[in-house]
Amino acid sequence: ALAAALALPAAARIQVVTDARIALAGALQGKPGAILIAGTGSIAY
């Protein structure tokens, strides 16, 4: 749905993941480990 709505080039790559996944990537810069998120909801990833 996003690929259609954003009108991206055919060669553009698009990936949808959970918000916890990008939080983990940002928190540890791609290194192994865990993130614990507690806002309105909560999860450990």
All heavy atoms as atom14 arrays in JSON, in Angstrom:
{
  "sequence": "ALAAALALPAAARIQVVTDARIALAGALQGKPGAILIAGTGSIAY",
  "atom14_mask": [
    [1, 1, 1, 1, 1, 0, 0, 0, 0, 0, 0, 0, 0, 0],
    [1, 1, 1, 1, 1, 1, 1, 1, 0, 0, 0, 0, 0, 0],
    [1, 1, 1, 1, 1, 0, 0, 0, 0, 0, 0, 0, 0, 0],
    [1, 1, 1, 1, 1, 0, 0, 0, 0, 0, 0, 0, 0, 0],
    [1, 1, 1, 1, 1, 0, 0, 0, 0, 0, 0, 0, 0, 0],
    [1, 1, 1, 1, 1, 1, 1, 1, 0, 0, 0, 0, 0, 0],
    [1, 1, 1, 1, 1, 0, 0, 0, 0, 0, 0, 0, 0, 0],
    [1, 1, 1, 1, 1, 1, 1, 1, 0, 0, 0, 0, 0, 0],
    [1, 1, 1, 1, 1, 1, 1, 0, 0, 0, 0, 0, 0, 0],
    [1, 1, 1, 1, 1, 0, 0, 0, 0, 0, 0, 0, 0, 0],
    [1, 1, 1, 1, 1, 0, 0, 0, 0, 0, 0, 0, 0, 0],
    [1, 1, 1, 1, 1, 0, 0, 0, 0, 0, 0, 0, 0, 0],
    [1, 1, 1, 1, 1, 1, 1, 1, 1, 1, 1, 0, 0, 0],
    [1, 1, 1, 1, 1, 1, 1, 1, 0, 0, 0, 0, 0, 0],
    [1, 1, 1, 1, 1, 1, 1, 1, 1, 0, 0, 0, 0, 0],
    [1, 1, 1, 1, 1, 1, 1, 0, 0, 0, 0, 0, 0, 0],
    [1, 1, 1, 1, 1, 1, 1, 0, 0, 0, 0, 0, 0, 0],
    [1, 1, 1, 1, 1, 1, 1, 0, 0, 0, 0, 0, 0, 0],
    [1, 1, 1, 1, 1, 1, 1, 1, 0, 0, 0, 0, 0, 0],
    [1, 1, 1, 1, 1, 0, 0, 0, 0, 0, 0, 0, 0, 0],
    [1, 1, 1, 1, 1, 1, 1, 1, 1, 1, 1, 0, 0, 0],
    [1, 1, 1, 1, 1, 1, 1, 1, 0, 0, 0, 0, 0, 0],
    [1, 1, 1, 1, 1, 0, 0, 0, 0, 0, 0, 0, 0, 0],
    [1, 1, 1, 1, 1, 1, 1, 1, 0, 0, 0, 0, 0, 0],
    [1, 1, 1, 1, 1, 0, 0, 0, 0, 0, 0, 0, 0, 0],
    [1, 1, 1, 1, 0, 0, 0, 0, 0, 0, 0, 0, 0, 0],
    [1, 1, 1, 1, 1, 0, 0, 0, 0, 0, 0, 0, 0, 0],
    [1, 1, 1, 1, 1, 1, 1, 1, 0, 0, 0, 0, 0, 0],
    [1, 1, 1, 1, 1, 1, 1, 1, 1, 0, 0, 0, 0, 0],
    [1, 1, 1, 1, 0, 0, 0, 0, 0, 0, 0, 0, 0, 0],
    [1, 1, 1, 1, 1, 1, 1, 1, 1, 0, 0, 0, 0, 0],
    [1, 1, 1, 1, 1, 1, 1, 0, 0, 0, 0, 0, 0, 0],
    [1, 1, 1, 1, 0, 0, 0, 0, 0, 0, 0, 0, 0, 0],
    [1, 1, 1, 1, 1, 0, 0, 0, 0, 0, 0, 0, 0, 0],
    [1, 1, 1, 1, 1, 1, 1, 1, 0, 0, 0, 0, 0, 0],
    [1, 1, 1, 1, 1, 1, 1, 1, 0, 0, 0, 0, 0, 0],
    [1, 1, 1, 1, 1, 1, 1, 1, 0, 0, 0, 0, 0, 0],
    [1, 1, 1, 1, 1, 0, 0, 0, 0, 0, 0, 0, 0, 0],
    [1, 1, 1, 1, 0, 0, 0, 0, 0, 0, 0, 0, 0, 0],
    [1, 1, 1, 1, 1, 1, 1, 0, 0, 0, 0, 0, 0, 0],
    [1, 1, 1, 1, 0, 0, 0, 0, 0, 0, 0, 0, 0, 0],
    [1, 1, 1, 1, 1, 1, 0, 0, 0, 0, 0, 0, 0, 0],
    [1, 1, 1, 1, 1, 1, 1, 1, 0, 0, 0, 0, 0, 0],
    [1, 1, 1, 1, 1, 0, 0, 0, 0, 0, 0, 0, 0, 0],
    [1, 1, 1, 1, 1, 1, 1, 1, 1, 1, 1, 1, 0, 0]
  ],
  "atom14_positions": [
    [[0.82, -1.21, 0.0], [0.0, 0.0, 0.0], [0.86, 1.26, 0.0], [0.54, 2.25, -0.67], [-0.93, -0.01, 1.21], [0.0, 0.0, 0.0], [0.0, 0.0, 0.0], [0.0, 0.0, 0.0], [0.0, 0.0, 0.0], [0.0, 0.0, 0.0], [0.0, 0.0, 0.0], [0.0, 0.0, 0.0], [0.0, 0.0, 0.0], [0.0, 0.0, 0.0]],
    [[1.97, 1.24, 0.74], [2.86, 2.4, 0.78], [3.57, 2.61, -0.54], [3.73, 3.75, -0.99], [3.89, 2.23, 1.9], [3.38, 2.44, 3.33], [4.45, 2.08, 4.34], [2.92, 3.87, 3.52], [0.0, 0.0, 0.0], [0.0, 0.0, 0.0], [0.0, 0.0, 0.0], [0.0, 0.0, 0.0], [0.0, 0.0, 0.0], [0.0, 0.0, 0.0]],
    [[4.0, 1.53, -1.18], [4.66, 1.66, -2.47], [3.76, 2.36, -3.47], [4.21, 3.21, -4.26], [5.07, 0.29, -2.98], [0.0, 0.0, 0.0], [0.0, 0.0, 0.0], [0.0, 0.0, 0.0], [0.0, 0.0, 0.0], [0.0, 0.0, 0.0], [0.0, 0.0, 0.0], [0.0, 0.0, 0.0], [0.0, 0.0, 0.0], [0.0, 0.0, 0.0]],
    [[2.47, 2.03, -3.43], [1.52, 2.66, -4.35], [1.26, 4.11, -3.97], [1.22, 5.0, -4.82], [0.21, 1.87, -4.36], [0.0, 0.0, 0.0], [0.0, 0.0, 0.0], [0.0, 0.0, 0.0], [0.0, 0.0, 0.0], [0.0, 0.0, 0.0], [0.0, 0.0, 0.0], [0.0, 0.0, 0.0], [0.0, 0.0, 0.0], [0.0, 0.0, 0.0]],
    [[1.09, 4.36, -2.67], [0.73, 5.71, -2.21], [1.88, 6.7, -2.38], [1.64, 7.89, -2.65], [0.29, 5.66, -0.76], [0.0, 0.0, 0.0], [0.0, 0.0, 0.0], [0.0, 0.0, 0.0], [0.0, 0.0, 0.0], [0.0, 0.0, 0.0], [0.0, 0.0, 0.0], [0.0, 0.0, 0.0], [0.0, 0.0, 0.0], [0.0, 0.0, 0.0]],
    [[3.11, 6.24, -2.22], [4.26, 7.15, -2.28], [4.75, 7.4, -3.7], [5.58, 8.29, -3.9], [5.4, 6.59, -1.43], [5.11, 6.39, 0.07], [6.32, 5.81, 0.78], [4.67, 7.69, 0.72], [0.0, 0.0, 0.0], [0.0, 0.0, 0.0], [0.0, 0.0, 0.0], [0.0, 0.0, 0.0], [0.0, 0.0, 0.0], [0.0, 0.0, 0.0]],
    [[4.27, 6.64, -4.66], [4.66, 6.81, -6.06], [6.18, 6.76, -6.23], [6.79, 7.63, -6.88], [4.1, 8.11, -6.63], [0.0, 0.0, 0.0], [0.0, 0.0, 0.0], [0.0, 0.0, 0.0], [0.0, 0.0, 0.0], [0.0, 0.0, 0.0], [0.0, 0.0, 0.0], [0.0, 0.0, 0.0], [0.0, 0.0, 0.0], [0.0, 0.0, 0.0]],
    [[6.8, 5.74, -5.65], [8.26, 5.61, -5.71], [8.7, 5.0, -7.03], [7.92, 4.34, -7.72], [8.74, 4.73, -4.55], [8.41, 5.21, -3.14], [8.94, 4.21, -2.13], [9.0, 6.59, -2.89], [0.0, 0.0, 0.0], [0.0, 0.0, 0.0], [0.0, 0.0, 0.0], [0.0, 0.0, 0.0], [0.0, 0.0, 0.0], [0.0, 0.0, 0.0]],
    [[9.96, 5.21, -7.4], [10.48, 4.56, -8.61], [10.4, 3.04, -8.49], [10.44, 2.5, -7.37], [11.94, 5.04, -8.66], [11.98, 6.25, -7.79], [10.96, 6.06, -6.74], [0.0, 0.0, 0.0], [0.0, 0.0, 0.0], [0.0, 0.0, 0.0], [0.0, 0.0, 0.0], [0.0, 0.0, 0.0], [0.0, 0.0, 0.0], [0.0, 0.0, 0.0]],
    [[10.33, 2.35, -9.61], [10.23, 0.9, -9.6], [11.43, 0.25, -8.91], [11.3, -0.82, -8.3], [10.09, 0.38, -11.03], [0.0, 0.0, 0.0], [0.0, 0.0, 0.0], [0.0, 0.0, 0.0], [0.0, 0.0, 0.0], [0.0, 0.0, 0.0], [0.0, 0.0, 0.0], [0.0, 0.0, 0.0], [0.0, 0.0, 0.0], [0.0, 0.0, 0.0]],
    [[12.59, 0.9, -9.0], [13.8, 0.32, -8.4], [13.91, 0.58, -6.9], [14.77, -0.01, -6.24], [15.03, 0.89, -9.1], [0.0, 0.0, 0.0], [0.0, 0.0, 0.0], [0.0, 0.0, 0.0], [0.0, 0.0, 0.0], [0.0, 0.0, 0.0], [0.0, 0.0, 0.0], [0.0, 0.0, 0.0], [0.0, 0.0, 0.0], [0.0, 0.0, 0.0]],
    [[13.08, 1.44, -6.36], [13.17, 1.76, -4.93], [12.77, 0.55, -4.08], [11.85, -0.19, -4.42], [12.26, 2.94, -4.6], [0.0, 0.0, 0.0], [0.0, 0.0, 0.0], [0.0, 0.0, 0.0], [0.0, 0.0, 0.0], [0.0, 0.0, 0.0], [0.0, 0.0, 0.0], [0.0, 0.0, 0.0], [0.0, 0.0, 0.0], [0.0, 0.0, 0.0]],
    [[13.48, 0.37, -3.0], [13.19, -0.74, -2.08], [12.39, -0.21, -0.89], [12.66, 0.89, -0.4], [14.5, -1.38, -1.62], [15.35, -1.9, -2.75], [16.64, -2.5, -2.24], [17.49, -2.95, -3.35], [18.67, -3.53, -3.18], [19.15, -3.74, -1.97], [19.38, -3.91, -4.24], [0.0, 0.0, 0.0], [0.0, 0.0, 0.0], [0.0, 0.0, 0.0]],
    [[11.43, -1.01, -0.42], [10.62, -0.6, 0.71], [10.45, -1.76, 1.66], [10.23, -2.91, 1.24], [9.25, -0.05, 0.25], [8.44, 0.46, 1.45], [8.46, -1.09, -0.54], [7.25, 1.31, 1.06], [0.0, 0.0, 0.0], [0.0, 0.0, 0.0], [0.0, 0.0, 0.0], [0.0, 0.0, 0.0], [0.0, 0.0, 0.0], [0.0, 0.0, 0.0]],
    [[10.62, -1.48, 2.93], [10.52, -2.5, 3.96], [9.65, -1.96, 5.1], [9.85, -0.82, 5.54], [11.91, -2.86, 4.49], [11.91, -3.89, 5.61], [13.31, -4.15, 6.16], [14.16, -3.26, 6.14], [13.55, -5.35, 6.65], [0.0, 0.0, 0.0], [0.0, 0.0, 0.0], [0.0, 0.0, 0.0], [0.0, 0.0, 0.0], [0.0, 0.0, 0.0]],
    [[8.71, -2.76, 5.57], [7.9, -2.4, 6.73], [8.23, -3.39, 7.85], [8.2, -4.6, 7.66], [6.39, -2.44, 6.42], [5.57, -2.2, 7.69], [6.04, -1.39, 5.36], [0.0, 0.0, 0.0], [0.0, 0.0, 0.0], [0.0, 0.0, 0.0], [0.0, 0.0, 0.0], [0.0, 0.0, 0.0], [0.0, 0.0, 0.0], [0.0, 0.0, 0.0]],
    [[8.56, -2.86, 9.01], [8.87, -3.66, 10.18], [8.1, -3.08, 11.36], [7.46, -2.04, 11.26], [10.39, -3.67, 10.48], [11.16, -4.33, 9.36], [10.9, -2.25, 10.73], [0.0, 0.0, 0.0], [0.0, 0.0, 0.0], [0.0, 0.0, 0.0], [0.0, 0.0, 0.0], [0.0, 0.0, 0.0], [0.0, 0.0, 0.0], [0.0, 0.0, 0.0]],
    [[8.16, -3.76, 12.48], [7.54, -3.22, 13.69], [8.34, -2.02, 14.2], [9.55, -1.91, 13.97], [7.44, -4.29, 14.79], [6.91, -3.7, 15.98], [8.8, -4.87, 15.11], [0.0, 0.0, 0.0], [0.0, 0.0, 0.0], [0.0, 0.0, 0.0], [0.0, 0.0, 0.0], [0.0, 0.0, 0.0], [0.0, 0.0, 0.0], [0.0, 0.0, 0.0]],
    [[7.67, -1.12, 14.9], [8.36, 0.05, 15.44], [9.43, -0.34, 16.45], [10.41, 0.38, 16.63], [7.36, 1.05, 16.04], [6.46, 0.43, 17.1], [6.37, -0.81, 17.19], [5.83, 1.2, 17.85], [0.0, 0.0, 0.0], [0.0, 0.0, 0.0], [0.0, 0.0, 0.0], [0.0, 0.0, 0.0], [0.0, 0.0, 0.0], [0.0, 0.0, 0.0]],
    [[9.28, -1.49, 17.09], [10.3, -1.95, 18.03], [11.61, -2.27, 17.31], [12.7, -2.08, 17.86], [9.81, -3.17, 18.81], [0.0, 0.0, 0.0], [0.0, 0.0, 0.0], [0.0, 0.0, 0.0], [0.0, 0.0, 0.0], [0.0, 0.0, 0.0], [0.0, 0.0, 0.0], [0.0, 0.0, 0.0], [0.0, 0.0, 0.0], [0.0, 0.0, 0.0]],
    [[11.51, -2.74, 16.07], [12.72, -3.11, 15.32], [13.58, -1.88, 15.02], [14.81, -1.92, 15.15], [12.33, -3.81, 14.01], [13.53, -4.21, 13.15], [14.35, -5.29, 13.83], [15.58, -5.61, 13.12], [16.77, -5.08, 13.39], [16.9, -4.17, 14.34], [17.83, -5.47, 12.72], [0.0, 0.0, 0.0], [0.0, 0.0, 0.0], [0.0, 0.0, 0.0]],
    [[12.96, -0.78, 14.61], [13.75, 0.42, 14.31], [14.25, 1.06, 15.59], [15.32, 1.68, 15.61], [12.96, 1.42, 13.44], [11.7, 1.92, 14.16], [12.63, 0.82, 12.09], [11.04, 3.1, 13.48], [0.0, 0.0, 0.0], [0.0, 0.0, 0.0], [0.0, 0.0, 0.0], [0.0, 0.0, 0.0], [0.0, 0.0, 0.0], [0.0, 0.0, 0.0]],
    [[13.48, 0.92, 16.68], [13.96, 1.44, 17.96], [15.21, 0.71, 18.41], [16.16, 1.32, 18.91], [12.86, 1.32, 19.02], [0.0, 0.0, 0.0], [0.0, 0.0, 0.0], [0.0, 0.0, 0.0], [0.0, 0.0, 0.0], [0.0, 0.0, 0.0], [0.0, 0.0, 0.0], [0.0, 0.0, 0.0], [0.0, 0.0, 0.0], [0.0, 0.0, 0.0]],
    [[15.24, -0.6, 18.19], [16.43, -1.41, 18.52], [17.61, -0.99, 17.67], [18.73, -0.82, 18.18], [16.11, -2.89, 18.31], [17.27, -3.87, 18.5], [17.75, -3.86, 19.95], [16.85, -5.27, 18.08], [0.0, 0.0, 0.0], [0.0, 0.0, 0.0], [0.0, 0.0, 0.0], [0.0, 0.0, 0.0], [0.0, 0.0, 0.0], [0.0, 0.0, 0.0]],
    [[17.37, -0.8, 16.37], [18.46, -0.4, 15.47], [19.04, 0.95, 15.87], [20.26, 1.15, 15.87], [17.96, -0.36, 14.03], [0.0, 0.0, 0.0], [0.0, 0.0, 0.0], [0.0, 0.0, 0.0], [0.0, 0.0, 0.0], [0.0, 0.0, 0.0], [0.0, 0.0, 0.0], [0.0, 0.0, 0.0], [0.0, 0.0, 0.0], [0.0, 0.0, 0.0]],
    [[18.18, 1.89, 16.22], [18.65, 3.21, 16.64], [19.36, 3.18, 17.97], [20.4, 3.81, 18.16], [0.0, 0.0, 0.0], [0.0, 0.0, 0.0], [0.0, 0.0, 0.0], [0.0, 0.0, 0.0], [0.0, 0.0, 0.0], [0.0, 0.0, 0.0], [0.0, 0.0, 0.0], [0.0, 0.0, 0.0], [0.0, 0.0, 0.0], [0.0, 0.0, 0.0]],
    [[18.81, 2.41, 18.89], [19.35, 2.39, 20.26], [20.76, 1.8, 20.32], [21.63, 2.32, 21.02], [18.42, 1.59, 21.16], [0.0, 0.0, 0.0], [0.0, 0.0, 0.0], [0.0, 0.0, 0.0], [0.0, 0.0, 0.0], [0.0, 0.0, 0.0], [0.0, 0.0, 0.0], [0.0, 0.0, 0.0], [0.0, 0.0, 0.0], [0.0, 0.0, 0.0]],
    [[20.98, 0.7, 19.6], [22.27, 0.0, 19.68], [23.05, 0.07, 18.37], [24.06, -0.61, 18.22], [22.04, -1.46, 20.09], [21.37, -1.65, 21.45], [21.16, -3.14, 21.74], [22.17, -1.0, 22.57], [0.0, 0.0, 0.0], [0.0, 0.0, 0.0], [0.0, 0.0, 0.0], [0.0, 0.0, 0.0], [0.0, 0.0, 0.0], [0.0, 0.0, 0.0]],
    [[22.59, 0.89, 17.43], [23.28, 1.1, 16.15], [23.59, -0.21, 15.42], [24.66, -0.4, 14.85], [24.57, 1.89, 16.38], [24.32, 3.32, 16.87], [23.61, 4.17, 15.82], [24.21, 4.59, 14.83], [22.32, 4.41, 16.03], [0.0, 0.0, 0.0], [0.0, 0.0, 0.0], [0.0, 0.0, 0.0], [0.0, 0.0, 0.0], [0.0, 0.0, 0.0]],
    [[22.59, -1.12, 15.46], [22.71, -2.37, 14.73], [23.43, -3.48, 15.45], [23.52, -4.6, 14.94], [0.0, 0.0, 0.0], [0.0, 0.0, 0.0], [0.0, 0.0, 0.0], [0.0, 0.0, 0.0], [0.0, 0.0, 0.0], [0.0, 0.0, 0.0], [0.0, 0.0, 0.0], [0.0, 0.0, 0.0], [0.0, 0.0, 0.0], [0.0, 0.0, 0.0]],
    [[23.96, -3.22, 16.65], [24.7, -4.24, 17.4], [23.75, -5.15, 18.18], [22.63, -4.76, 18.49], [25.68, -3.57, 18.35], [26.73, -2.73, 17.64], [27.62, -2.01, 18.66], [28.64, -1.12, 17.96], [29.48, -0.37, 18.94], [0.0, 0.0, 0.0], [0.0, 0.0, 0.0], [0.0, 0.0, 0.0], [0.0, 0.0, 0.0], [0.0, 0.0, 0.0]],
    [[24.2, -6.37, 18.54], [23.35, -7.27, 19.33], [23.03, -6.67, 20.7], [23.82, -5.92, 21.28], [24.21, -8.53, 19.48], [25.17, -8.48, 18.33], [25.46, -7.02, 18.12], [0.0, 0.0, 0.0], [0.0, 0.0, 0.0], [0.0, 0.0, 0.0], [0.0, 0.0, 0.0], [0.0, 0.0, 0.0], [0.0, 0.0, 0.0], [0.0, 0.0, 0.0]],
    [[21.86, -7.01, 21.21], [21.42, -6.51, 22.5], [19.92, -6.38, 22.51], [19.23, -6.85, 21.6], [0.0, 0.0, 0.0], [0.0, 0.0, 0.0], [0.0, 0.0, 0.0], [0.0, 0.0, 0.0], [0.0, 0.0, 0.0], [0.0, 0.0, 0.0], [0.0, 0.0, 0.0], [0.0, 0.0, 0.0], [0.0, 0.0, 0.0], [0.0, 0.0, 0.0]],
    [[19.41, -5.72, 23.52], [17.97, -5.61, 23.7], [17.54, -4.16, 23.89], [18.33, -3.32, 24.32], [17.53, -6.43, 24.92], [0.0, 0.0, 0.0], [0.0, 0.0, 0.0], [0.0, 0.0, 0.0], [0.0, 0.0, 0.0], [0.0, 0.0, 0.0], [0.0, 0.0, 0.0], [0.0, 0.0, 0.0], [0.0, 0.0, 0.0], [0.0, 0.0, 0.0]],
    [[16.31, -3.9, 23.54], [15.71, -2.62, 23.88], [14.42, -2.89, 24.63], [13.67, -3.82, 24.31], [15.45, -1.76, 22.63], [14.99, -0.35, 23.07], [14.42, -2.39, 21.7], [15.05, 0.68, 21.98], [0.0, 0.0, 0.0], [0.0, 0.0, 0.0], [0.0, 0.0, 0.0], [0.0, 0.0, 0.0], [0.0, 0.0, 0.0], [0.0, 0.0, 0.0]],
    [[14.19, -2.1, 25.64], [12.98, -2.16, 26.44], [12.22, -0.87, 26.23], [12.74, 0.21, 26.52], [13.33, -2.35, 27.92], [12.17, -2.5, 28.9], [11.33, -3.73, 28.58], [12.71, -2.6, 30.32], [0.0, 0.0, 0.0], [0.0, 0.0, 0.0], [0.0, 0.0, 0.0], [0.0, 0.0, 0.0], [0.0, 0.0, 0.0], [0.0, 0.0, 0.0]],
    [[11.02, -0.98, 25.69], [10.22, 0.2, 25.35], [9.0, 0.25, 26.26], [8.26, -0.72, 26.36], [9.76, 0.14, 23.87], [10.96, -0.05, 22.94], [9.0, 1.39, 23.5], [10.57, -0.37, 21.5], [0.0, 0.0, 0.0], [0.0, 0.0, 0.0], [0.0, 0.0, 0.0], [0.0, 0.0, 0.0], [0.0, 0.0, 0.0], [0.0, 0.0, 0.0]],
    [[8.8, 1.38, 26.89], [7.61, 1.58, 27.72], [7.08, 2.98, 27.49], [7.62, 3.95, 28.01], [7.92, 1.35, 29.2], [0.0, 0.0, 0.0], [0.0, 0.0, 0.0], [0.0, 0.0, 0.0], [0.0, 0.0, 0.0], [0.0, 0.0, 0.0], [0.0, 0.0, 0.0], [0.0, 0.0, 0.0], [0.0, 0.0, 0.0], [0.0, 0.0, 0.0]],
    [[6.08, 3.07, 26.66], [5.37, 4.32, 26.43], [3.91, 4.07, 26.72], [3.57, 3.6, 27.8], [0.0, 0.0, 0.0], [0.0, 0.0, 0.0], [0.0, 0.0, 0.0], [0.0, 0.0, 0.0], [0.0, 0.0, 0.0], [0.0, 0.0, 0.0], [0.0, 0.0, 0.0], [0.0, 0.0, 0.0], [0.0, 0.0, 0.0], [0.0, 0.0, 0.0]],
    [[3.04, 4.34, 25.76], [1.64, 3.95, 25.93], [1.54, 2.45, 26.07], [0.77, 1.93, 26.88], [0.82, 4.43, 24.72], [0.91, 5.85, 24.63], [-0.65, 4.05, 24.87], [0.0, 0.0, 0.0], [0.0, 0.0, 0.0], [0.0, 0.0, 0.0], [0.0, 0.0, 0.0], [0.0, 0.0, 0.0], [0.0, 0.0, 0.0], [0.0, 0.0, 0.0]],
    [[2.32, 1.7, 25.28], [2.41, 0.25, 25.4], [3.81, -0.15, 25.83], [4.64, 0.7, 26.2], [0.0, 0.0, 0.0], [0.0, 0.0, 0.0], [0.0, 0.0, 0.0], [0.0, 0.0, 0.0], [0.0, 0.0, 0.0], [0.0, 0.0, 0.0], [0.0, 0.0, 0.0], [0.0, 0.0, 0.0], [0.0, 0.0, 0.0], [0.0, 0.0, 0.0]],
    [[4.11, -1.45, 25.79], [5.45, -1.9, 26.19], [5.84, -3.15, 25.41], [4.99, -3.92, 24.97], [5.51, -2.2, 27.69], [4.7, -3.32, 28.01], [0.0, 0.0, 0.0], [0.0, 0.0, 0.0], [0.0, 0.0, 0.0], [0.0, 0.0, 0.0], [0.0, 0.0, 0.0], [0.0, 0.0, 0.0], [0.0, 0.0, 0.0], [0.0, 0.0, 0.0]],
    [[7.15, -3.33, 25.24], [7.71, -4.52, 24.59], [9.2, -4.57, 24.87], [9.85, -3.54, 25.07], [7.45, -4.49, 23.06], [7.84, -5.82, 22.4], [8.19, -3.33, 22.41], [7.47, -5.93, 20.94], [0.0, 0.0, 0.0], [0.0, 0.0, 0.0], [0.0, 0.0, 0.0], [0.0, 0.0, 0.0], [0.0, 0.0, 0.0], [0.0, 0.0, 0.0]],
    [[9.74, -5.78, 24.9], [11.19, -5.99, 24.91], [11.54, -6.67, 23.6], [10.9, -7.66, 23.21], [11.61, -6.85, 26.11], [0.0, 0.0, 0.0], [0.0, 0.0, 0.0], [0.0, 0.0, 0.0], [0.0, 0.0, 0.0], [0.0, 0.0, 0.0], [0.0, 0.0, 0.0], [0.0, 0.0, 0.0], [0.0, 0.0, 0.0], [0.0, 0.0, 0.0]],
    [[12.56, -6.15, 22.92], [12.9, -6.63, 21.59], [14.41, -6.73, 21.5], [15.13, -5.86, 22.02], [12.38, -5.64, 20.54], [12.1, -6.21, 19.18], [10.96, -6.97, 18.93], [12.98, -5.99, 18.13], [10.7, -7.48, 17.67], [12.72, -6.5, 16.86], [11.58, -7.25, 16.64], [11.32, -7.75, 15.4], [0.0, 0.0, 0.0], [0.0, 0.0, 0.0]]
  ]
}
